[in-house]
Amino acid sequence: MKKATRKRTKKPGNHKYGPHMVKAAVKLAAKGCTNEEISESIGVALDTFYNWRKRYPEFDESISDARLGDLDEIEAAMAKKAKGYQYDEVTTETLIVNGTEVGEKKVKVTKKTVTPSESAGKYLLNNRRRARWSEKIEAEVTGGLSIEIGLPESLGGSAPSESDSEE
């Protein structure tokens, strides 16, 4: 009986580290792909991808920078939303009678206001000005803490002695 052998299939192309791999990986990272998705798309094992990140600092930095690009835009949008803003809404109006345009198109500009977002402001302050605005309460406990746990007398425990009770 013939033993079944498993063939390894590789995607066509060059699987060695080089500028073509860096370019492809950076493009995918900028789109928000995970390390697993990037390694699969460029046709290398995940371990290889991680090894490249360790071995080639410029590769690792390029991947990290590509992922930060969108975050800068999102951060700016969050700050804008926290403060509120105004914009012009442009609409075009055309009078149509019996399916035919009549007269000129009118362009109407309306000033719109987006009110400040309390939740966006709170989020930014909690993260950017942590010392002043953090909701996290930190407490330091000094000294010792002693807790005695015993069984009630009805279950075979003993009653507290006079020295155990507080005065």
Protein backbone atom coordinates (compact mmCIF):
# COMPACT_ATOMS: atom_id res chain seq x y z
CA MET A 1 0.00 0.00 0.00
CA LYS A 2 1.30 3.37 -0.99
CA LYS A 3 1.74 5.93 1.76
CA ALA A 4 0.08 9.28 1.13
CA THR A 5 2.49 12.17 1.08
CA ARG A 6 1.53 15.74 1.72
CA LYS A 7 2.88 18.34 -0.63
CA ARG A 8 3.71 21.76 0.65
CA THR A 9 2.23 24.41 -1.55
CA LYS A 10 3.88 27.75 -1.84
CA LYS A 11 2.48 30.83 -3.36
CA PRO A 12 4.32 31.84 -6.50
CA GLY A 13 6.91 34.55 -6.14
CA ASN A 14 10.01 35.36 -4.18
CA HIS A 15 9.62 34.60 -0.46
CA LYS A 16 12.93 36.07 0.62
CA TYR A 17 13.16 39.28 2.60
CA GLY A 18 13.67 42.30 0.40
CA PRO A 19 12.26 45.68 -0.61
CA HIS A 20 9.30 44.03 -2.39
CA MET A 21 8.29 42.27 0.83
CA VAL A 22 8.71 45.44 2.89
CA LYS A 23 6.56 47.42 0.46
CA ALA A 24 3.80 44.80 0.45
CA ALA A 25 3.83 44.37 4.23
CA VAL A 26 3.76 48.12 4.89
CA LYS A 27 0.85 48.57 2.49
CA LEU A 28 -1.12 45.88 4.32
CA ALA A 29 -0.21 47.27 7.76
CA ALA A 30 -1.46 50.71 6.70
CA LYS A 31 -4.79 49.10 5.78
CA GLY A 32 -5.07 47.72 9.32
CA CYS A 33 -4.12 44.10 8.68
CA THR A 34 -2.87 41.98 11.57
CA ASN A 35 0.57 40.33 11.57
CA GLU A 36 -1.10 37.02 10.75
CA GLU A 37 -2.95 38.51 7.77
CA ILE A 38 0.20 40.22 6.50
CA SER A 39 2.33 37.09 6.73
CA GLU A 40 -0.34 35.04 4.97
CA SER A 41 -0.78 37.63 2.21
CA ILE A 42 2.93 37.91 1.46
CA GLY A 43 3.31 34.12 1.58
CA VAL A 44 5.61 33.62 4.57
CA ALA A 45 5.13 31.79 7.84
CA LEU A 46 4.12 33.91 10.82
CA ASP A 47 7.35 32.89 12.61
CA THR A 48 9.33 34.16 9.62
CA PHE A 49 7.44 37.45 9.71
CA TYR A 50 8.23 37.88 13.43
CA ASN A 51 11.87 36.93 12.82
CA TRP A 52 12.10 39.62 10.12
CA ARG A 53 10.68 42.17 12.56
CA LYS A 54 13.37 41.24 15.11
CA ARG A 55 16.23 40.92 12.61
CA TYR A 56 15.51 44.03 10.52
CA PRO A 57 14.74 47.07 12.74
CA GLU A 58 13.88 49.17 9.68
CA PHE A 59 11.22 46.61 8.71
CA ASP A 60 9.73 46.61 12.21
CA GLU A 61 9.73 50.41 12.31
CA SER A 62 8.07 50.63 8.88
CA ILE A 63 5.27 48.30 9.97
CA SER A 64 4.75 50.24 13.22
CA ASP A 65 4.77 53.62 11.44
CA ALA A 66 2.28 52.41 8.84
CA ARG A 67 -0.13 51.42 11.60
CA LEU A 68 0.21 54.82 13.30
CA GLY A 69 -0.76 56.83 10.21
CA ASP A 70 -4.48 56.27 10.58
CA LEU A 71 -4.28 56.71 14.33
CA ASP A 72 -2.99 60.28 13.90
CA GLU A 73 -5.97 61.08 11.69
CA ILE A 74 -8.39 59.44 14.13
CA GLU A 75 -6.84 61.32 17.05
CA ALA A 76 -7.22 64.64 15.21
CA ALA A 77 -10.85 63.82 14.37
CA MET A 78 -11.53 62.92 18.00
CA ALA A 79 -10.04 66.22 19.18
CA LYS A 80 -12.14 68.10 16.60
CA LYS A 81 -15.28 66.28 17.76
CA ALA A 82 -14.45 67.03 21.41
CA LYS A 83 -14.28 70.77 20.68
CA GLY A 84 -17.17 70.90 18.22
CA TYR A 85 -16.94 72.57 14.82
CA GLN A 86 -18.85 74.22 12.00
CA TYR A 87 -19.02 73.32 8.34
CA ASP A 88 -20.84 74.43 5.22
CA GLU A 89 -23.41 72.05 3.79
CA VAL A 90 -23.81 72.64 0.04
CA THR A 91 -26.99 71.49 -1.67
CA THR A 92 -28.10 71.97 -5.26
CA GLU A 93 -31.77 72.59 -5.97
CA THR A 94 -33.36 72.20 -9.38
CA LEU A 95 -37.01 72.82 -10.22
CA ILE A 96 -38.40 69.93 -12.27
CA VAL A 97 -41.80 70.21 -13.95
CA ASN A 98 -43.22 67.18 -15.79
CA GLY A 99 -39.80 65.52 -15.82
CA THR A 100 -38.04 68.53 -17.32
CA GLU A 101 -35.63 70.87 -15.56
CA VAL A 102 -37.05 74.37 -15.46
CA GLY A 103 -34.82 77.34 -14.70
CA GLU A 104 -31.32 77.43 -13.28
CA LYS A 105 -29.88 75.20 -10.61
CA LYS A 106 -29.68 76.93 -7.25
CA VAL A 107 -26.77 76.21 -4.96
CA LYS A 108 -27.71 76.59 -1.34
CA VAL A 109 -25.04 76.86 1.37
CA THR A 110 -26.13 76.20 4.95
CA LYS A 111 -23.81 76.63 7.92
CA LYS A 112 -24.05 73.56 10.16
CA THR A 113 -22.73 73.12 13.67
CA VAL A 114 -21.55 69.93 15.31
CA THR A 115 -21.82 70.40 19.07
CA PRO A 116 -18.87 69.41 21.25
CA SER A 117 -18.93 65.79 22.32
CA GLU A 118 -18.66 65.34 26.06
CA SER A 119 -17.64 61.69 25.72
CA ALA A 120 -14.89 62.50 23.20
CA GLY A 121 -13.57 65.25 25.47
CA LYS A 122 -13.66 62.98 28.51
CA TYR A 123 -11.84 60.24 26.64
CA LEU A 124 -9.10 62.58 25.43
CA LEU A 125 -8.61 64.19 28.84
CA ASN A 126 -8.51 60.79 30.59
CA ASN A 127 -5.79 59.66 28.21
CA ARG A 128 -3.77 62.81 27.47
CA ARG A 129 -3.99 64.51 30.86
CA ARG A 130 -4.06 61.42 33.00
CA ALA A 131 -2.68 63.06 36.17
CA ARG A 132 -5.53 65.59 36.27
CA TRP A 133 -8.45 63.78 34.68
CA SER A 134 -8.03 60.07 35.26
CA GLU A 135 -11.01 58.31 36.77
CA LYS A 136 -8.69 55.69 38.17
CA ILE A 137 -8.25 56.11 41.90
CA GLU A 138 -4.95 55.00 43.29
CA ALA A 139 -4.61 54.38 46.99
CA GLU A 140 -1.62 53.30 48.98
CA VAL A 141 -2.12 51.16 52.04
CA THR A 142 0.57 51.28 54.68
CA GLY A 143 0.89 49.25 57.84
CA GLY A 144 -0.26 45.74 58.45
CA LEU A 145 -3.61 44.13 58.11
CA SER A 146 -4.64 41.24 60.28
CA ILE A 147 -7.79 39.22 59.73
CA GLU A 148 -8.81 36.28 61.89
CA ILE A 149 -11.44 33.92 60.64
CA GLY A 150 -12.98 31.39 62.97
CA LEU A 151 -15.94 29.08 63.23
CA PRO A 152 -18.95 30.09 65.28
CA GLU A 153 -19.39 28.26 68.64
CA SER A 154 -22.34 26.31 67.24
CA LEU A 155 -19.97 24.69 64.75
CA GLY A 156 -17.25 23.87 67.22
CA GLY A 157 -15.42 27.18 67.25
CA SER A 158 -14.45 29.04 70.40
CA ALA A 159 -15.80 32.36 71.63
CA PRO A 160 -13.42 35.30 71.36
CA SER A 161 -11.48 35.98 74.52
CA GLU A 162 -11.48 39.36 76.24
CA SER A 163 -8.05 40.15 74.81
CA ASP A 164 -9.43 39.71 71.28
CA SER A 165 -12.20 42.29 71.67
CA GLU A 166 -11.59 45.98 71.17
CA GLU A 167 -11.91 48.36 74.08
